[in-house]
N, C-alpha and C. Protein backbone atom coordinates (compact mmCIF):
# COMPACT_ATOMS: atom_id res chain seq x y z
N GLN A 1 8.98 -9.65 -107.96
CA GLN A 1 10.01 -9.61 -108.95
C GLN A 1 10.45 -8.19 -109.19
N GLN A 2 9.48 -7.32 -109.21
CA GLN A 2 9.79 -5.86 -109.39
C GLN A 2 10.59 -5.40 -108.19
N VAL A 3 10.28 -5.82 -106.95
CA VAL A 3 10.96 -5.43 -105.83
C VAL A 3 12.35 -5.95 -105.82
N ASN A 4 12.59 -7.14 -106.21
CA ASN A 4 13.87 -7.77 -106.32
C ASN A 4 14.76 -6.99 -107.32
N LYS A 5 14.17 -6.54 -108.50
CA LYS A 5 14.89 -5.71 -109.44
C LYS A 5 15.40 -4.38 -108.78
N GLU A 6 14.47 -3.72 -108.15
CA GLU A 6 14.75 -2.49 -107.50
C GLU A 6 15.79 -2.65 -106.34
N THR A 7 15.76 -3.74 -105.60
CA THR A 7 16.76 -4.04 -104.60
C THR A 7 18.11 -4.36 -105.22
N GLU A 8 18.17 -5.10 -106.31
CA GLU A 8 19.39 -5.30 -107.01
C GLU A 8 19.97 -4.06 -107.60
N GLY A 9 19.16 -3.13 -108.15
CA GLY A 9 19.60 -1.84 -108.64
C GLY A 9 20.18 -0.95 -107.53
N LEU A 10 19.49 -1.00 -106.41
CA LEU A 10 19.96 -0.21 -105.30
C LEU A 10 21.30 -0.77 -104.71
N ASP A 11 21.45 -2.09 -104.75
CA ASP A 11 22.69 -2.72 -104.24
C ASP A 11 23.89 -2.29 -105.17
N ILE A 12 23.65 -2.28 -106.43
CA ILE A 12 24.69 -1.85 -107.43
C ILE A 12 24.98 -0.33 -107.26
N TYR A 13 23.95 0.47 -107.08
CA TYR A 13 24.05 1.89 -106.85
C TYR A 13 24.86 2.21 -105.63
N ASN A 14 24.50 1.47 -104.47
CA ASN A 14 25.22 1.60 -103.22
C ASN A 14 26.62 1.17 -103.30
N ALA A 15 26.93 0.11 -104.06
CA ALA A 15 28.32 -0.32 -104.19
C ALA A 15 29.14 0.76 -104.99
N GLN A 16 28.50 1.33 -106.01
CA GLN A 16 29.19 2.42 -106.75
C GLN A 16 29.37 3.64 -105.90
N LEU A 17 28.45 4.05 -105.07
CA LEU A 17 28.61 5.17 -104.18
C LEU A 17 29.78 4.86 -103.15
N GLU A 18 29.77 3.62 -102.69
CA GLU A 18 30.82 3.29 -101.76
C GLU A 18 32.22 3.38 -102.34
N LYS A 19 32.38 3.03 -103.57
CA LYS A 19 33.66 3.17 -104.31
C LYS A 19 33.97 4.64 -104.49
N GLN A 20 32.98 5.50 -104.72
CA GLN A 20 33.27 6.95 -104.89
C GLN A 20 33.64 7.50 -103.55
N ILE A 21 32.94 7.17 -102.52
CA ILE A 21 33.22 7.61 -101.06
C ILE A 21 34.59 7.24 -100.68
N ASN A 22 35.03 5.98 -101.00
CA ASN A 22 36.38 5.51 -100.65
C ASN A 22 37.48 6.32 -101.50
N ASN A 23 37.22 6.59 -102.73
CA ASN A 23 38.07 7.35 -103.56
C ASN A 23 38.16 8.83 -103.02
N GLN A 24 37.01 9.37 -102.58
CA GLN A 24 37.11 10.72 -101.97
C GLN A 24 37.83 10.74 -100.67
N ILE A 25 37.69 9.74 -99.90
CA ILE A 25 38.44 9.66 -98.63
C ILE A 25 39.89 9.58 -98.87
N ALA A 26 40.31 8.83 -99.81
CA ALA A 26 41.70 8.66 -100.21
C ALA A 26 42.19 9.99 -100.82
N GLU A 27 41.41 10.62 -101.59
CA GLU A 27 41.78 11.95 -102.14
C GLU A 27 41.98 12.98 -101.02
N MET A 28 41.07 12.97 -100.07
CA MET A 28 41.14 13.89 -98.89
C MET A 28 42.42 13.69 -98.13
N ALA A 29 42.78 12.38 -97.91
CA ALA A 29 44.03 12.08 -97.17
C ALA A 29 45.22 12.63 -97.91
N LYS A 30 45.25 12.37 -99.27
CA LYS A 30 46.35 12.90 -100.05
C LYS A 30 46.33 14.45 -100.08
N LEU A 31 45.25 15.11 -100.10
CA LEU A 31 45.17 16.58 -99.99
C LEU A 31 45.73 17.09 -98.68
N ASN A 32 45.33 16.41 -97.63
CA ASN A 32 45.81 16.76 -96.28
C ASN A 32 47.29 16.64 -96.14
N LEU A 33 47.87 15.55 -96.75
CA LEU A 33 49.29 15.32 -96.78
C LEU A 33 49.90 16.45 -97.54
N ASP A 34 49.37 16.81 -98.70
CA ASP A 34 49.91 17.89 -99.46
C ASP A 34 49.90 19.26 -98.77
N ILE A 35 48.78 19.48 -98.04
CA ILE A 35 48.69 20.73 -97.24
C ILE A 35 49.78 20.80 -96.17
N ASP A 36 50.03 19.66 -95.55
CA ASP A 36 51.07 19.58 -94.53
C ASP A 36 52.48 19.84 -95.19
N GLN A 37 52.70 19.41 -96.34
CA GLN A 37 53.99 19.56 -97.01
C GLN A 37 54.11 21.02 -97.60
N VAL A 38 53.04 21.73 -97.81
CA VAL A 38 53.20 23.06 -98.37
C VAL A 38 53.98 24.00 -97.37
N SER A 39 53.68 23.86 -96.15
CA SER A 39 54.50 24.69 -95.19
C SER A 39 55.93 24.38 -95.14
N VAL A 40 56.26 23.13 -95.39
CA VAL A 40 57.63 22.71 -95.43
C VAL A 40 58.35 23.23 -96.73
N ILE A 41 57.64 23.18 -97.75
CA ILE A 41 58.14 23.71 -99.08
C ILE A 41 58.31 25.19 -98.95
N GLU A 42 57.30 25.90 -98.38
CA GLU A 42 57.37 27.32 -98.16
C GLU A 42 58.58 27.72 -97.27
N ARG A 43 58.89 26.96 -96.34
CA ARG A 43 60.08 27.27 -95.45
C ARG A 43 61.41 27.06 -96.26
N GLN A 44 61.36 26.09 -97.21
CA GLN A 44 62.60 25.87 -97.96
C GLN A 44 62.67 26.78 -99.21
N ILE A 45 61.58 27.23 -99.78
CA ILE A 45 61.65 28.01 -100.97
C ILE A 45 62.17 29.52 -100.66
N THR A 46 61.81 29.99 -99.48
CA THR A 46 62.22 31.39 -99.14
C THR A 46 63.79 31.48 -99.13
N PRO A 47 64.51 30.58 -98.44
CA PRO A 47 65.93 30.75 -98.49
C PRO A 47 66.55 30.59 -99.90
N LEU A 48 65.87 29.71 -100.70
CA LEU A 48 66.26 29.48 -102.05
C LEU A 48 66.13 30.77 -102.82
N MET A 49 65.00 31.47 -102.69
CA MET A 49 64.80 32.82 -103.42
C MET A 49 65.79 33.82 -102.96
N ILE A 50 66.13 33.87 -101.68
CA ILE A 50 67.12 34.85 -101.20
C ILE A 50 68.48 34.53 -101.82
N ARG A 51 68.85 33.26 -101.90
CA ARG A 51 70.11 32.94 -102.53
C ARG A 51 70.10 33.26 -104.00
N MET A 52 68.95 33.10 -104.62
CA MET A 52 68.76 33.39 -106.10
C MET A 52 68.97 34.93 -106.32
N ILE A 53 68.38 35.76 -105.41
CA ILE A 53 68.49 37.16 -105.56
C ILE A 53 69.93 37.65 -105.32
N ASP A 54 70.61 37.02 -104.28
CA ASP A 54 71.98 37.37 -104.05
C ASP A 54 72.91 36.96 -105.23
N GLY A 55 72.60 35.82 -105.80
CA GLY A 55 73.41 35.33 -107.01
C GLY A 55 73.21 36.28 -108.19
N LEU A 56 71.92 36.72 -108.39
CA LEU A 56 71.71 37.70 -109.44
C LEU A 56 72.37 38.99 -109.22
N GLU A 57 72.42 39.43 -108.00
CA GLU A 57 73.09 40.71 -107.67
C GLU A 57 74.53 40.59 -107.95
N GLN A 58 75.17 39.48 -107.59
CA GLN A 58 76.55 39.23 -107.81
C GLN A 58 76.80 39.10 -109.33
N PHE A 59 75.97 38.49 -110.08
CA PHE A 59 76.15 38.39 -111.43
C PHE A 59 76.16 39.73 -112.09
N VAL A 60 75.10 40.60 -111.76
CA VAL A 60 75.02 41.91 -112.32
C VAL A 60 76.30 42.67 -112.03
N ALA A 61 76.77 42.63 -110.78
CA ALA A 61 78.01 43.40 -110.38
C ALA A 61 79.20 42.94 -111.25
N LEU A 62 79.30 41.69 -111.58
CA LEU A 62 80.38 41.17 -112.39
C LEU A 62 80.22 41.30 -113.89
N ASP A 63 79.08 41.55 -114.25
CA ASP A 63 78.73 41.52 -115.77
C ASP A 63 79.10 42.92 -116.37
N VAL A 64 78.98 42.90 -117.69
CA VAL A 64 79.18 44.22 -118.44
C VAL A 64 78.17 45.25 -117.93
N PRO A 65 78.58 46.47 -117.73
CA PRO A 65 77.79 47.48 -117.06
C PRO A 65 76.72 48.17 -117.78
N PHE A 66 75.86 47.42 -118.50
CA PHE A 66 74.78 48.01 -119.30
C PHE A 66 73.56 48.21 -118.52
N LEU A 67 72.76 49.22 -118.72
CA LEU A 67 71.58 49.58 -117.98
C LEU A 67 71.78 49.41 -116.52
N PRO A 68 72.77 50.02 -115.93
CA PRO A 68 73.11 49.72 -114.48
C PRO A 68 71.99 50.13 -113.53
N GLN A 69 71.29 51.22 -113.75
CA GLN A 69 70.35 51.68 -112.88
C GLN A 69 69.13 50.75 -112.91
N GLU A 70 68.64 50.44 -114.13
CA GLU A 70 67.53 49.56 -114.28
C GLU A 70 67.69 48.17 -113.64
N ARG A 71 68.89 47.66 -113.85
CA ARG A 71 69.14 46.32 -113.36
C ARG A 71 69.29 46.36 -111.78
N GLN A 72 69.91 47.34 -111.28
CA GLN A 72 70.04 47.46 -109.86
C GLN A 72 68.66 47.75 -109.22
N ASN A 73 67.84 48.53 -109.84
CA ASN A 73 66.47 48.73 -109.31
C ASN A 73 65.63 47.42 -109.25
N ARG A 74 65.83 46.60 -110.28
CA ARG A 74 65.12 45.37 -110.26
C ARG A 74 65.52 44.46 -109.07
N ILE A 75 66.81 44.47 -108.77
CA ILE A 75 67.31 43.66 -107.61
C ILE A 75 66.80 44.28 -106.40
N THR A 76 66.82 45.69 -106.18
CA THR A 76 66.38 46.28 -105.01
C THR A 76 64.89 46.03 -104.74
N GLU A 77 64.09 46.11 -105.84
CA GLU A 77 62.67 45.79 -105.73
C GLU A 77 62.43 44.32 -105.30
N LEU A 78 63.22 43.36 -105.78
CA LEU A 78 63.12 41.94 -105.34
C LEU A 78 63.38 41.85 -103.83
N LYS A 79 64.49 42.50 -103.41
CA LYS A 79 64.82 42.40 -101.99
C LYS A 79 63.73 43.07 -101.14
N THR A 80 63.09 44.16 -101.47
CA THR A 80 62.08 44.81 -100.79
C THR A 80 60.87 43.93 -100.76
N MET A 81 60.56 43.33 -101.85
CA MET A 81 59.34 42.43 -101.94
C MET A 81 59.55 41.18 -101.03
N MET A 82 60.68 40.70 -100.85
CA MET A 82 60.90 39.57 -99.98
C MET A 82 60.54 39.77 -98.54
N ASP A 83 60.65 41.05 -98.10
CA ASP A 83 60.26 41.41 -96.76
C ASP A 83 58.82 41.77 -96.56
N ARG A 84 58.08 41.76 -97.63
CA ARG A 84 56.67 42.16 -97.54
C ARG A 84 55.77 40.85 -97.21
N ALA A 85 54.89 41.07 -96.31
CA ALA A 85 54.05 39.92 -95.84
C ALA A 85 52.79 39.84 -96.73
N ASP A 86 52.40 40.83 -97.39
CA ASP A 86 51.25 40.90 -98.28
C ASP A 86 51.41 40.24 -99.69
N VAL A 87 52.60 39.82 -100.02
CA VAL A 87 52.94 39.20 -101.28
C VAL A 87 53.05 37.71 -101.01
N ALA A 88 52.26 36.91 -101.72
CA ALA A 88 52.31 35.45 -101.62
C ALA A 88 53.66 34.87 -102.03
N VAL A 89 54.05 33.81 -101.43
CA VAL A 89 55.30 33.15 -101.77
C VAL A 89 55.35 32.82 -103.29
N SER A 90 54.21 32.34 -103.82
CA SER A 90 54.18 31.99 -105.27
C SER A 90 54.44 33.24 -106.16
N GLU A 91 53.95 34.39 -105.70
CA GLU A 91 54.18 35.63 -106.48
C GLU A 91 55.63 36.05 -106.33
N LYS A 92 56.24 35.92 -105.22
CA LYS A 92 57.62 36.20 -104.98
C LYS A 92 58.46 35.30 -105.88
N PHE A 93 58.20 34.11 -105.92
CA PHE A 93 58.95 33.18 -106.72
C PHE A 93 58.80 33.50 -108.28
N ARG A 94 57.58 33.79 -108.63
CA ARG A 94 57.33 34.23 -110.01
C ARG A 94 58.15 35.45 -110.42
N ARG A 95 58.26 36.40 -109.54
CA ARG A 95 58.95 37.67 -109.84
C ARG A 95 60.48 37.39 -109.88
N VAL A 96 61.02 36.55 -109.01
CA VAL A 96 62.36 36.21 -109.02
C VAL A 96 62.75 35.51 -110.35
N LEU A 97 61.93 34.53 -110.76
CA LEU A 97 62.13 33.85 -111.97
C LEU A 97 61.93 34.78 -113.20
N GLU A 98 61.07 35.74 -113.07
CA GLU A 98 61.00 36.80 -114.18
C GLU A 98 62.23 37.59 -114.25
N ALA A 99 62.84 38.00 -113.21
CA ALA A 99 64.10 38.75 -113.22
C ALA A 99 65.19 37.94 -113.91
N TYR A 100 65.19 36.66 -113.61
CA TYR A 100 66.21 35.76 -114.23
C TYR A 100 65.97 35.79 -115.73
N GLN A 101 64.70 35.64 -116.12
CA GLN A 101 64.41 35.57 -117.58
C GLN A 101 64.82 36.90 -118.24
N VAL A 102 64.60 37.99 -117.60
CA VAL A 102 65.02 39.31 -118.18
C VAL A 102 66.52 39.32 -118.40
N GLU A 103 67.33 38.87 -117.38
CA GLU A 103 68.81 38.81 -117.47
C GLU A 103 69.21 37.84 -118.54
N THR A 104 68.51 36.76 -118.69
CA THR A 104 68.85 35.69 -119.74
C THR A 104 68.57 36.37 -121.09
N GLY A 105 67.50 37.11 -121.20
CA GLY A 105 67.20 37.70 -122.48
C GLY A 105 68.23 38.77 -122.98
N TYR A 106 68.85 39.39 -121.99
CA TYR A 106 69.93 40.37 -122.42
C TYR A 106 70.99 39.65 -123.18
N GLY A 107 71.30 38.40 -122.90
CA GLY A 107 72.34 37.66 -123.66
C GLY A 107 71.99 37.32 -125.03
N ARG A 108 70.74 37.43 -125.43
CA ARG A 108 70.30 37.03 -126.76
C ARG A 108 69.82 38.23 -127.54
N SER A 109 70.10 39.37 -127.22
CA SER A 109 69.48 40.60 -127.86
C SER A 109 70.46 41.66 -128.19
N ILE A 110 70.10 42.57 -129.02
CA ILE A 110 70.90 43.68 -129.37
C ILE A 110 70.06 44.88 -128.98
N GLU A 111 70.75 45.85 -128.33
CA GLU A 111 70.02 46.99 -127.86
C GLU A 111 70.76 48.38 -128.05
N ALA A 112 70.07 49.38 -128.28
CA ALA A 112 70.67 50.69 -128.30
C ALA A 112 69.92 51.60 -127.30
N TYR A 113 70.70 52.34 -126.58
CA TYR A 113 70.04 53.22 -125.64
C TYR A 113 71.06 54.43 -125.40
N ALA A 114 70.44 55.54 -125.00
CA ALA A 114 71.24 56.77 -124.71
C ALA A 114 71.60 56.82 -123.25
N GLY A 115 72.71 57.49 -122.95
CA GLY A 115 73.13 57.64 -121.59
C GLY A 115 74.32 58.55 -121.45
N LEU A 116 74.76 58.67 -120.23
CA LEU A 116 75.96 59.55 -120.03
C LEU A 116 77.13 58.72 -119.62
N ILE A 117 78.33 59.18 -120.00
CA ILE A 117 79.53 58.45 -119.72
C ILE A 117 80.63 59.55 -119.34
N ASP A 118 81.53 59.12 -118.43
CA ASP A 118 82.60 60.03 -118.05
C ASP A 118 83.80 59.74 -118.91
N LEU A 119 84.13 60.66 -119.78
CA LEU A 119 85.25 60.57 -120.69
C LEU A 119 86.27 61.60 -120.32
N SER A 120 87.49 61.18 -119.93
CA SER A 120 88.54 62.09 -119.59
C SER A 120 88.10 63.17 -118.59
N GLY A 121 87.35 62.74 -117.56
CA GLY A 121 86.86 63.67 -116.46
C GLY A 121 85.74 64.48 -116.94
N GLN A 122 85.24 64.34 -118.13
CA GLN A 122 84.08 65.14 -118.59
C GLN A 122 82.89 64.29 -118.92
N GLU A 123 81.70 64.57 -118.35
CA GLU A 123 80.55 63.73 -118.66
C GLU A 123 80.01 64.04 -120.09
N ARG A 124 79.84 63.02 -120.87
CA ARG A 124 79.39 63.17 -122.26
C ARG A 124 78.06 62.36 -122.52
N ASP A 125 77.29 62.94 -123.40
CA ASP A 125 76.07 62.27 -123.79
C ASP A 125 76.37 61.26 -124.91
N VAL A 126 76.14 60.04 -124.79
CA VAL A 126 76.52 59.03 -125.86
C VAL A 126 75.39 58.11 -126.13
N ASP A 127 75.49 57.37 -127.22
CA ASP A 127 74.60 56.28 -127.57
C ASP A 127 75.32 54.98 -127.34
N PHE A 128 74.76 54.06 -126.53
CA PHE A 128 75.33 52.83 -126.18
C PHE A 128 74.76 51.81 -127.13
N LEU A 129 75.63 50.88 -127.54
CA LEU A 129 75.21 49.69 -128.31
C LEU A 129 75.69 48.46 -127.52
N ARG A 130 74.67 47.63 -127.18
CA ARG A 130 74.91 46.38 -126.45
C ARG A 130 74.56 45.25 -127.37
N ILE A 131 75.50 44.32 -127.54
CA ILE A 131 75.27 43.13 -128.37
C ILE A 131 75.41 41.89 -127.45
N GLY A 132 74.26 41.43 -127.05
CA GLY A 132 74.21 40.39 -126.06
C GLY A 132 75.11 40.75 -124.88
N ARG A 133 75.92 39.81 -124.42
CA ARG A 133 76.91 40.05 -123.38
C ARG A 133 78.23 40.05 -124.01
N VAL A 134 78.33 40.12 -125.32
CA VAL A 134 79.66 40.11 -126.03
C VAL A 134 80.26 41.40 -126.06
N ALA A 135 79.53 42.40 -126.31
CA ALA A 135 80.08 43.71 -126.54
C ALA A 135 79.16 44.84 -126.02
N LEU A 136 79.81 45.80 -125.40
CA LEU A 136 79.16 46.99 -125.02
C LEU A 136 80.03 48.17 -125.54
N MET A 137 79.44 48.99 -126.43
CA MET A 137 80.17 50.04 -127.05
C MET A 137 79.37 51.33 -126.91
N TYR A 138 80.12 52.41 -127.17
CA TYR A 138 79.46 53.76 -127.15
C TYR A 138 80.07 54.61 -128.36
N ILE A 139 79.29 55.52 -128.72
CA ILE A 139 79.75 56.57 -129.60
C ILE A 139 79.05 57.91 -129.17
N THR A 140 79.90 58.96 -129.21
CA THR A 140 79.31 60.24 -128.80
C THR A 140 78.34 60.71 -129.83
N ARG A 141 77.45 61.61 -129.37
CA ARG A 141 76.42 62.08 -130.31
C ARG A 141 76.96 62.75 -131.55
N ASP A 142 78.08 63.38 -131.41
CA ASP A 142 78.71 64.09 -132.63
C ASP A 142 79.59 63.06 -133.35
N GLY A 143 79.77 61.90 -132.89
CA GLY A 143 80.49 60.81 -133.57
C GLY A 143 82.02 60.97 -133.52
N SER A 144 82.52 61.92 -132.60
CA SER A 144 83.88 62.26 -132.57
C SER A 144 84.62 61.16 -131.76
N GLU A 145 84.01 60.49 -130.80
CA GLU A 145 84.74 59.56 -129.98
C GLU A 145 83.85 58.20 -129.83
N ALA A 146 84.56 57.14 -129.82
CA ALA A 146 83.94 55.82 -129.63
C ALA A 146 84.71 54.96 -128.84
N GLY A 147 84.14 53.97 -128.16
CA GLY A 147 84.82 53.07 -127.34
C GLY A 147 84.04 51.77 -127.03
N ARG A 148 84.75 50.91 -126.30
CA ARG A 148 84.09 49.66 -125.93
C ARG A 148 84.55 49.33 -124.44
N TRP A 149 83.70 48.53 -123.82
CA TRP A 149 83.96 48.19 -122.42
C TRP A 149 84.76 47.01 -122.37
N ASP A 150 85.90 47.10 -121.56
CA ASP A 150 86.78 46.00 -121.34
C ASP A 150 86.47 45.43 -120.02
N ASN A 151 85.91 44.31 -119.89
CA ASN A 151 85.41 43.72 -118.61
C ASN A 151 86.55 43.23 -117.79
N GLU A 152 87.76 42.97 -118.34
CA GLU A 152 88.82 42.54 -117.51
C GLU A 152 89.48 43.69 -116.73
N SER A 153 89.57 44.86 -117.40
CA SER A 153 90.16 46.06 -116.74
C SER A 153 89.04 46.91 -116.08
N LYS A 154 87.79 46.53 -116.38
CA LYS A 154 86.61 47.28 -115.87
C LYS A 154 86.71 48.78 -116.28
N SER A 155 87.04 48.98 -117.51
CA SER A 155 87.17 50.32 -117.95
C SER A 155 86.83 50.48 -119.44
N TRP A 156 86.54 51.71 -119.87
CA TRP A 156 86.27 51.99 -121.28
C TRP A 156 87.57 52.10 -122.04
N GLN A 157 87.59 51.51 -123.17
CA GLN A 157 88.75 51.62 -124.09
C GLN A 157 88.40 52.33 -125.36
N ALA A 158 89.15 53.28 -125.71
CA ALA A 158 88.84 53.95 -127.04
C ALA A 158 89.10 52.97 -128.23
N VAL A 159 88.35 53.15 -129.30
CA VAL A 159 88.52 52.30 -130.44
C VAL A 159 88.93 53.12 -131.67
N GLU A 160 89.58 52.50 -132.65
CA GLU A 160 89.96 53.24 -133.78
C GLU A 160 88.76 53.81 -134.49
N SER A 161 89.10 54.91 -135.25
CA SER A 161 87.95 55.57 -135.96
C SER A 161 87.27 54.76 -136.94
N ASP A 162 87.93 53.73 -137.45
CA ASP A 162 87.36 52.76 -138.42
C ASP A 162 86.09 52.05 -137.88
N PHE A 163 86.10 51.84 -136.58
CA PHE A 163 85.02 51.15 -135.94
C PHE A 163 83.76 51.98 -135.72
N ARG A 164 83.88 53.34 -135.83
CA ARG A 164 82.78 54.21 -135.54
C ARG A 164 81.61 53.91 -136.49
N MET A 165 81.98 53.63 -137.68
CA MET A 165 80.98 53.33 -138.73
C MET A 165 80.17 52.06 -138.32
N HIS A 166 80.93 51.05 -137.85
CA HIS A 166 80.30 49.78 -137.45
C HIS A 166 79.45 49.98 -136.31
N ILE A 167 79.89 50.77 -135.28
CA ILE A 167 78.95 51.03 -134.12
C ILE A 167 77.73 51.77 -134.61
N THR A 168 77.84 52.76 -135.44
CA THR A 168 76.65 53.44 -135.88
C THR A 168 75.76 52.49 -136.71
N LYS A 169 76.32 51.62 -137.47
CA LYS A 169 75.48 50.54 -138.16
C LYS A 169 74.78 49.68 -137.21
N GLY A 170 75.53 49.23 -136.11
CA GLY A 170 74.87 48.40 -135.08
C GLY A 170 73.80 49.12 -134.33
N LEU A 171 73.92 50.44 -134.07
CA LEU A 171 72.91 51.26 -133.46
C LEU A 171 71.67 51.28 -134.34
N ARG A 172 71.84 51.45 -135.60
CA ARG A 172 70.71 51.50 -136.53
C ARG A 172 69.97 50.19 -136.62
N MET A 173 70.75 49.10 -136.56
CA MET A 173 70.15 47.75 -136.54
C MET A 173 69.37 47.54 -135.20
N ALA A 174 69.91 47.93 -134.13
CA ALA A 174 69.19 47.78 -132.83
C ALA A 174 68.00 48.59 -132.76
N LYS A 175 67.91 49.73 -133.41
CA LYS A 175 66.73 50.59 -133.46
C LYS A 175 65.75 50.16 -134.60
N LYS A 176 66.06 49.09 -135.22
CA LYS A 176 65.26 48.49 -136.35
C LYS A 176 65.13 49.51 -137.50
N GLN A 177 66.23 50.31 -137.74
CA GLN A 177 66.30 51.23 -138.84
C GLN A 177 67.00 50.63 -139.99
N LEU A 178 67.63 49.44 -139.70
CA LEU A 178 68.43 48.74 -140.76
C LEU A 178 68.26 47.26 -140.59
N ALA A 179 68.25 46.58 -141.64
CA ALA A 179 68.06 45.09 -141.58
C ALA A 179 69.32 44.47 -140.87
N PRO A 180 69.05 43.41 -140.15
CA PRO A 180 70.20 42.75 -139.46
C PRO A 180 71.29 42.33 -140.47
N ASP A 181 72.51 42.44 -140.05
CA ASP A 181 73.66 42.14 -140.88
C ASP A 181 74.84 41.85 -139.96
N LEU A 182 75.92 41.41 -140.57
CA LEU A 182 77.09 41.09 -139.71
C LEU A 182 77.69 42.42 -139.34
N LEU A 183 78.24 42.42 -138.11
CA LEU A 183 78.90 43.55 -137.47
C LEU A 183 80.37 43.19 -137.17
N VAL A 184 81.18 44.23 -137.35
CA VAL A 184 82.60 44.08 -136.91
C VAL A 184 82.73 44.69 -135.62
N ILE A 185 83.19 43.89 -134.62
CA ILE A 185 83.22 44.42 -133.26
C ILE A 185 84.74 44.59 -132.94
N PRO A 186 85.06 45.65 -132.34
CA PRO A 186 86.47 45.94 -131.99
C PRO A 186 87.00 44.97 -130.96
N LYS A 187 88.19 44.50 -131.22
CA LYS A 187 88.81 43.56 -130.19
C LYS A 187 89.46 44.37 -129.11
N LYS A 188 90.06 43.69 -128.16
CA LYS A 188 90.69 44.33 -126.99
C LYS A 188 91.51 45.55 -127.28
N SER A 189 92.53 45.35 -127.98
CA SER A 189 93.54 46.47 -128.21
C SER A 189 93.37 47.03 -129.65
N ALA A 190 92.21 47.73 -129.85
CA ALA A 190 91.92 48.18 -131.17
C ALA A 190 92.57 49.51 -131.45
N LEU A 191 93.14 50.14 -130.37
CA LEU A 191 93.76 51.47 -130.43
C LEU A 191 95.16 51.39 -130.89
C-alpha cells in the first residue's frame, strides 16, 4: 500500500514536470521566433531613425531660430552616433526619441538666454526671450533696442518702445525673478 502511494505520487509529480517541460519547450520556440524577428526589426528601425533625424533637422531649419548652435549640435551628434557600431540600436533609438522630447519641450516653455545678434551690420549683445514657439524676442543689454523674429520674412523686426517693458518683464519671468503673469507680445507690424 505504501509503495502504491509512492507510485501514485511519482505519477502526479511526473505529470506535473511533463507539463512544465512542455511549457518550457513552447516558451523556447516563442523566444527563438522573437530572436529571428529582432534582426528584421533592427533592419527596419535604422531607416526609420534616419528619417526621424532628417525630419528633425528639417523642422529645426524651418522653426524659429532660437538656440541655433545647441539644436544643430544635437542633430550632428545624432547623425554621428548613427554611424557608430559600438552603440546599440536601442540606445540610438532612445537618443533620437530624447531629441524629439527636447524639441517638444521647447513648445511648452519660456526661456531667457544671452546671445549675439547682427543689428544694422553691427553685432550686439542681447537678451533673448523665447515663449514656446509663439514668440522669439530680444532686447539689447542697455534696453535701447528691441525686436521680434518674423518667421515669414525670416528676419528680425524692430518693435515699438512700449513693448520693451513687456520683454523685460518676460525675461524676469523666464529667469524666475518674477511670478508668472500675462505678457503682451508684439504683433507682426508693431513698428
